[in-house]
Amino acid sequence: MFCIGVLPACWTWHTTQANTRINILSSLIDPNDNNFDIPTPVVTMPSQKSFRTKQKLARAQKQNRPIPQWIRLRTNNTIRYNAKRRHWRKTRLGI
């Protein structure tokens, strides 16, 4: 169907694009590169916290819980979950 050595234009375009991607990725991750910088995590909270900061953290920890089941019964299941629930890694407190 095809002659040997002759490829459709779309095949050559995809292969050149794939080769370009491989070259870019190999240049980003080079095991022989000595200048490979590993990002270090940024520490924003000191280990020695003030009493005020500890109070705010304790209050946020107490508020971050599901609603009790008796509230679901009392409100006839109109309040089903805590809308202000916070995940420790997704949403920050801003302290």
N, C-alpha and C. Protein backbone atom coordinates (compact mmCIF):
# COMPACT_ATOMS: atom_id res chain seq x y z
N MET A 1 0.82 -1.19 0.00
CA MET A 1 0.00 0.00 0.00
C MET A 1 0.87 1.26 0.00
N PHE A 2 1.85 1.30 0.93
CA PHE A 2 2.77 2.43 0.95
C PHE A 2 4.11 2.00 0.39
N CYS A 3 4.80 2.92 -0.18
CA CYS A 3 6.15 2.62 -0.63
C CYS A 3 7.10 2.66 0.56
N ILE A 4 8.15 1.90 0.50
CA ILE A 4 9.11 1.87 1.60
C ILE A 4 9.84 3.21 1.65
N GLY A 5 9.92 3.77 2.83
CA GLY A 5 10.61 5.04 3.01
C GLY A 5 9.70 6.24 2.83
N VAL A 6 8.47 6.03 2.43
CA VAL A 6 7.54 7.13 2.25
C VAL A 6 6.45 7.01 3.31
N LEU A 7 6.32 8.01 4.15
CA LEU A 7 5.32 8.00 5.21
C LEU A 7 4.30 9.10 4.96
N PRO A 8 3.08 8.92 5.41
CA PRO A 8 2.12 10.01 5.31
C PRO A 8 2.59 11.22 6.10
N ALA A 9 2.10 12.38 5.74
CA ALA A 9 2.55 13.62 6.37
C ALA A 9 2.19 13.64 7.86
N CYS A 10 1.04 13.07 8.23
CA CYS A 10 0.63 13.09 9.63
C CYS A 10 1.56 12.23 10.48
N TRP A 11 2.08 11.13 9.92
CA TRP A 11 2.99 10.27 10.68
C TRP A 11 4.28 11.00 10.99
N THR A 12 4.82 11.68 9.99
CA THR A 12 6.09 12.37 10.21
C THR A 12 5.89 13.52 11.20
N TRP A 13 4.74 14.19 11.13
CA TRP A 13 4.49 15.29 12.06
C TRP A 13 4.42 14.78 13.48
N HIS A 14 3.70 13.65 13.70
CA HIS A 14 3.58 13.11 15.05
C HIS A 14 4.92 12.60 15.57
N THR A 15 5.70 11.97 14.70
CA THR A 15 6.98 11.46 15.17
C THR A 15 7.93 12.59 15.51
N THR A 16 7.93 13.66 14.71
CA THR A 16 8.81 14.79 15.03
C THR A 16 8.35 15.48 16.30
N GLN A 17 7.03 15.56 16.50
CA GLN A 17 6.51 16.18 17.71
C GLN A 17 6.87 15.32 18.93
N ALA A 18 6.77 14.00 18.80
CA ALA A 18 7.12 13.11 19.91
C ALA A 18 8.61 13.19 20.21
N ASN A 19 9.44 13.26 19.17
CA ASN A 19 10.88 13.39 19.39
C ASN A 19 11.21 14.71 20.09
N THR A 20 10.50 15.78 19.73
CA THR A 20 10.72 17.06 20.39
C THR A 20 10.34 16.97 21.85
N ARG A 21 9.22 16.30 22.16
CA ARG A 21 8.81 16.15 23.56
C ARG A 21 9.84 15.34 24.34
N ILE A 22 10.35 14.27 23.73
CA ILE A 22 11.35 13.44 24.41
C ILE A 22 12.62 14.24 24.66
N ASN A 23 13.04 15.05 23.69
CA ASN A 23 14.24 15.87 23.87
C ASN A 23 14.04 16.90 24.97
N ILE A 24 12.86 17.50 25.04
CA ILE A 24 12.59 18.49 26.08
C ILE A 24 12.59 17.82 27.45
N LEU A 25 11.92 16.66 27.56
CA LEU A 25 11.88 15.96 28.84
C LEU A 25 13.25 15.48 29.27
N SER A 26 14.04 14.97 28.33
CA SER A 26 15.37 14.50 28.69
C SER A 26 16.28 15.65 29.09
N SER A 27 16.05 16.84 28.53
CA SER A 27 16.86 17.98 28.95
C SER A 27 16.44 18.48 30.33
N LEU A 28 15.17 18.29 30.68
CA LEU A 28 14.73 18.70 32.01
C LEU A 28 15.24 17.75 33.08
N ILE A 29 15.22 16.46 32.80
CA ILE A 29 15.64 15.45 33.77
C ILE A 29 16.92 14.81 33.24
N ASP A 30 18.04 15.41 33.56
CA ASP A 30 19.32 14.90 33.12
C ASP A 30 20.07 14.37 34.33
N PRO A 31 20.34 13.05 34.42
CA PRO A 31 21.01 12.51 35.60
C PRO A 31 22.46 12.97 35.73
N ASN A 32 23.08 13.39 34.62
CA ASN A 32 24.47 13.84 34.67
C ASN A 32 24.59 15.31 35.02
N ASP A 33 23.48 16.00 35.11
CA ASP A 33 23.51 17.42 35.40
C ASP A 33 23.74 17.63 36.89
N ASN A 34 24.79 18.35 37.25
CA ASN A 34 25.10 18.61 38.65
C ASN A 34 24.35 19.82 39.20
N ASN A 35 23.74 20.60 38.33
CA ASN A 35 23.03 21.80 38.75
C ASN A 35 21.54 21.54 38.93
N PHE A 36 21.16 20.30 39.19
CA PHE A 36 19.76 19.94 39.34
C PHE A 36 19.28 20.39 40.71
N ASP A 37 18.44 21.42 40.75
CA ASP A 37 17.97 21.99 42.01
C ASP A 37 16.69 21.31 42.45
N ILE A 38 16.68 20.82 43.68
CA ILE A 38 15.48 20.23 44.27
C ILE A 38 14.83 21.31 45.13
N PRO A 39 13.57 21.65 44.86
CA PRO A 39 12.93 22.71 45.66
C PRO A 39 12.76 22.28 47.11
N THR A 40 13.09 23.18 48.00
CA THR A 40 12.94 22.89 49.43
C THR A 40 11.62 23.46 49.91
N PRO A 41 10.96 22.80 50.85
CA PRO A 41 9.68 23.32 51.34
C PRO A 41 9.87 24.61 52.13
N VAL A 42 8.90 25.51 52.01
CA VAL A 42 8.95 26.79 52.70
C VAL A 42 8.24 26.63 54.04
N VAL A 43 8.94 26.95 55.12
CA VAL A 43 8.37 26.84 56.45
C VAL A 43 7.80 28.20 56.82
N THR A 44 6.49 28.26 57.06
CA THR A 44 5.86 29.54 57.37
C THR A 44 5.44 29.63 58.83
N MET A 45 5.36 28.50 59.53
CA MET A 45 4.92 28.50 60.92
C MET A 45 6.12 28.19 61.82
N PRO A 46 6.44 29.08 62.77
CA PRO A 46 7.57 28.80 63.65
C PRO A 46 7.25 27.68 64.63
N SER A 47 8.29 27.00 65.07
CA SER A 47 8.07 25.91 66.04
C SER A 47 7.70 26.47 67.41
N GLN A 48 8.21 27.65 67.76
CA GLN A 48 7.84 28.31 69.01
C GLN A 48 6.68 29.26 68.72
N LYS A 49 5.47 28.87 69.12
CA LYS A 49 4.28 29.66 68.81
C LYS A 49 3.87 30.48 70.03
N SER A 50 3.30 31.63 69.77
CA SER A 50 2.79 32.44 70.87
C SER A 50 1.47 31.86 71.37
N PHE A 51 1.05 32.31 72.53
CA PHE A 51 -0.19 31.80 73.13
C PHE A 51 -1.40 32.17 72.27
N ARG A 52 -1.37 33.36 71.70
CA ARG A 52 -2.48 33.81 70.84
C ARG A 52 -2.61 32.91 69.60
N THR A 53 -1.48 32.57 69.00
CA THR A 53 -1.50 31.69 67.83
C THR A 53 -2.02 30.31 68.21
N LYS A 54 -1.61 29.81 69.37
CA LYS A 54 -2.08 28.50 69.82
C LYS A 54 -3.58 28.52 70.07
N GLN A 55 -4.09 29.62 70.61
CA GLN A 55 -5.54 29.74 70.83
C GLN A 55 -6.29 29.69 69.50
N LYS A 56 -5.79 30.41 68.50
CA LYS A 56 -6.46 30.41 67.19
C LYS A 56 -6.43 29.03 66.55
N LEU A 57 -5.29 28.35 66.67
CA LEU A 57 -5.19 27.01 66.11
C LEU A 57 -6.12 26.03 66.82
N ALA A 58 -6.23 26.17 68.14
CA ALA A 58 -7.11 25.28 68.91
C ALA A 58 -8.57 25.52 68.55
N ARG A 59 -8.95 26.78 68.38
CA ARG A 59 -10.33 27.09 68.00
C ARG A 59 -10.65 26.54 66.61
N ALA A 60 -9.72 26.70 65.68
CA ALA A 60 -9.93 26.18 64.33
C ALA A 60 -10.01 24.66 64.34
N GLN A 61 -9.25 24.02 65.22
CA GLN A 61 -9.28 22.56 65.30
C GLN A 61 -10.61 22.08 65.87
N LYS A 62 -11.16 22.82 66.82
CA LYS A 62 -12.46 22.44 67.40
C LYS A 62 -13.60 22.65 66.40
N GLN A 63 -13.51 23.70 65.59
CA GLN A 63 -14.58 23.98 64.63
C GLN A 63 -14.56 23.03 63.44
N ASN A 64 -13.43 22.41 63.19
CA ASN A 64 -13.26 21.58 62.01
C ASN A 64 -13.72 20.15 62.31
N ARG A 65 -15.01 19.95 62.36
CA ARG A 65 -15.57 18.63 62.64
C ARG A 65 -16.93 18.52 61.96
N PRO A 66 -17.40 17.30 61.73
CA PRO A 66 -18.73 17.16 61.12
C PRO A 66 -19.82 17.55 62.11
N ILE A 67 -21.01 17.83 61.60
CA ILE A 67 -22.11 18.21 62.49
C ILE A 67 -22.61 16.98 63.24
N PRO A 68 -23.11 17.15 64.45
CA PRO A 68 -23.66 16.01 65.19
C PRO A 68 -24.94 15.48 64.52
N GLN A 69 -25.20 14.20 64.75
CA GLN A 69 -26.36 13.58 64.11
C GLN A 69 -27.68 14.12 64.65
N TRP A 70 -27.69 14.56 65.92
CA TRP A 70 -28.95 15.06 66.48
C TRP A 70 -29.36 16.37 65.82
N ILE A 71 -28.40 17.12 65.26
CA ILE A 71 -28.76 18.34 64.53
C ILE A 71 -29.44 17.98 63.22
N ARG A 72 -29.00 16.91 62.58
CA ARG A 72 -29.68 16.45 61.37
C ARG A 72 -31.11 16.04 61.68
N LEU A 73 -31.32 15.42 62.83
CA LEU A 73 -32.68 15.03 63.22
C LEU A 73 -33.52 16.25 63.57
N ARG A 74 -32.93 17.20 64.30
CA ARG A 74 -33.68 18.37 64.74
C ARG A 74 -34.08 19.25 63.56
N THR A 75 -33.21 19.39 62.56
CA THR A 75 -33.52 20.25 61.42
C THR A 75 -34.20 19.49 60.29
N ASN A 76 -34.60 18.25 60.55
CA ASN A 76 -35.28 17.42 59.57
C ASN A 76 -34.42 17.25 58.30
N ASN A 77 -33.13 17.06 58.52
CA ASN A 77 -32.14 16.79 57.47
C ASN A 77 -31.99 17.94 56.47
N THR A 78 -32.28 19.17 56.89
CA THR A 78 -32.02 20.31 56.00
C THR A 78 -30.56 20.72 56.08
N ILE A 79 -29.94 20.55 57.25
CA ILE A 79 -28.50 20.77 57.38
C ILE A 79 -27.86 19.39 57.37
N ARG A 80 -27.13 19.08 56.31
CA ARG A 80 -26.59 17.73 56.14
C ARG A 80 -25.10 17.63 56.42
N TYR A 81 -24.39 18.72 56.25
CA TYR A 81 -22.93 18.67 56.45
C TYR A 81 -22.44 20.04 56.90
N ASN A 82 -21.22 20.07 57.40
CA ASN A 82 -20.60 21.31 57.83
C ASN A 82 -20.01 22.00 56.60
N ALA A 83 -20.60 23.13 56.23
CA ALA A 83 -20.16 23.84 55.04
C ALA A 83 -18.81 24.52 55.25
N LYS A 84 -18.42 24.74 56.50
CA LYS A 84 -17.15 25.41 56.78
C LYS A 84 -16.04 24.43 57.11
N ARG A 85 -16.20 23.17 56.72
CA ARG A 85 -15.18 22.16 56.97
C ARG A 85 -13.93 22.50 56.18
N ARG A 86 -12.77 22.33 56.77
CA ARG A 86 -11.51 22.76 56.17
C ARG A 86 -10.51 21.61 56.19
N HIS A 87 -9.83 21.43 55.06
CA HIS A 87 -8.76 20.43 54.99
C HIS A 87 -7.43 21.12 55.29
N TRP A 88 -6.60 20.49 56.07
CA TRP A 88 -5.38 21.13 56.56
C TRP A 88 -4.40 21.47 55.44
N ARG A 89 -4.48 20.76 54.33
CA ARG A 89 -3.52 21.01 53.27
C ARG A 89 -4.10 21.87 52.15
N LYS A 90 -5.40 21.86 51.97
CA LYS A 90 -6.02 22.59 50.87
C LYS A 90 -6.31 24.04 51.23
N THR A 91 -6.83 24.29 52.42
CA THR A 91 -7.23 25.64 52.81
C THR A 91 -6.44 26.07 54.03
N ARG A 92 -5.78 27.19 53.94
CA ARG A 92 -4.97 27.70 55.04
C ARG A 92 -5.79 28.63 55.92
N LEU A 93 -5.34 28.78 57.15
CA LEU A 93 -6.06 29.63 58.10
C LEU A 93 -5.69 31.10 57.95
N GLY A 94 -4.53 31.38 57.45
CA GLY A 94 -4.10 32.77 57.31
C GLY A 94 -3.58 33.37 58.60
N ILE A 95 -3.02 32.54 59.45
CA ILE A 95 -2.47 33.04 60.73
C ILE A 95 -1.04 33.47 60.51
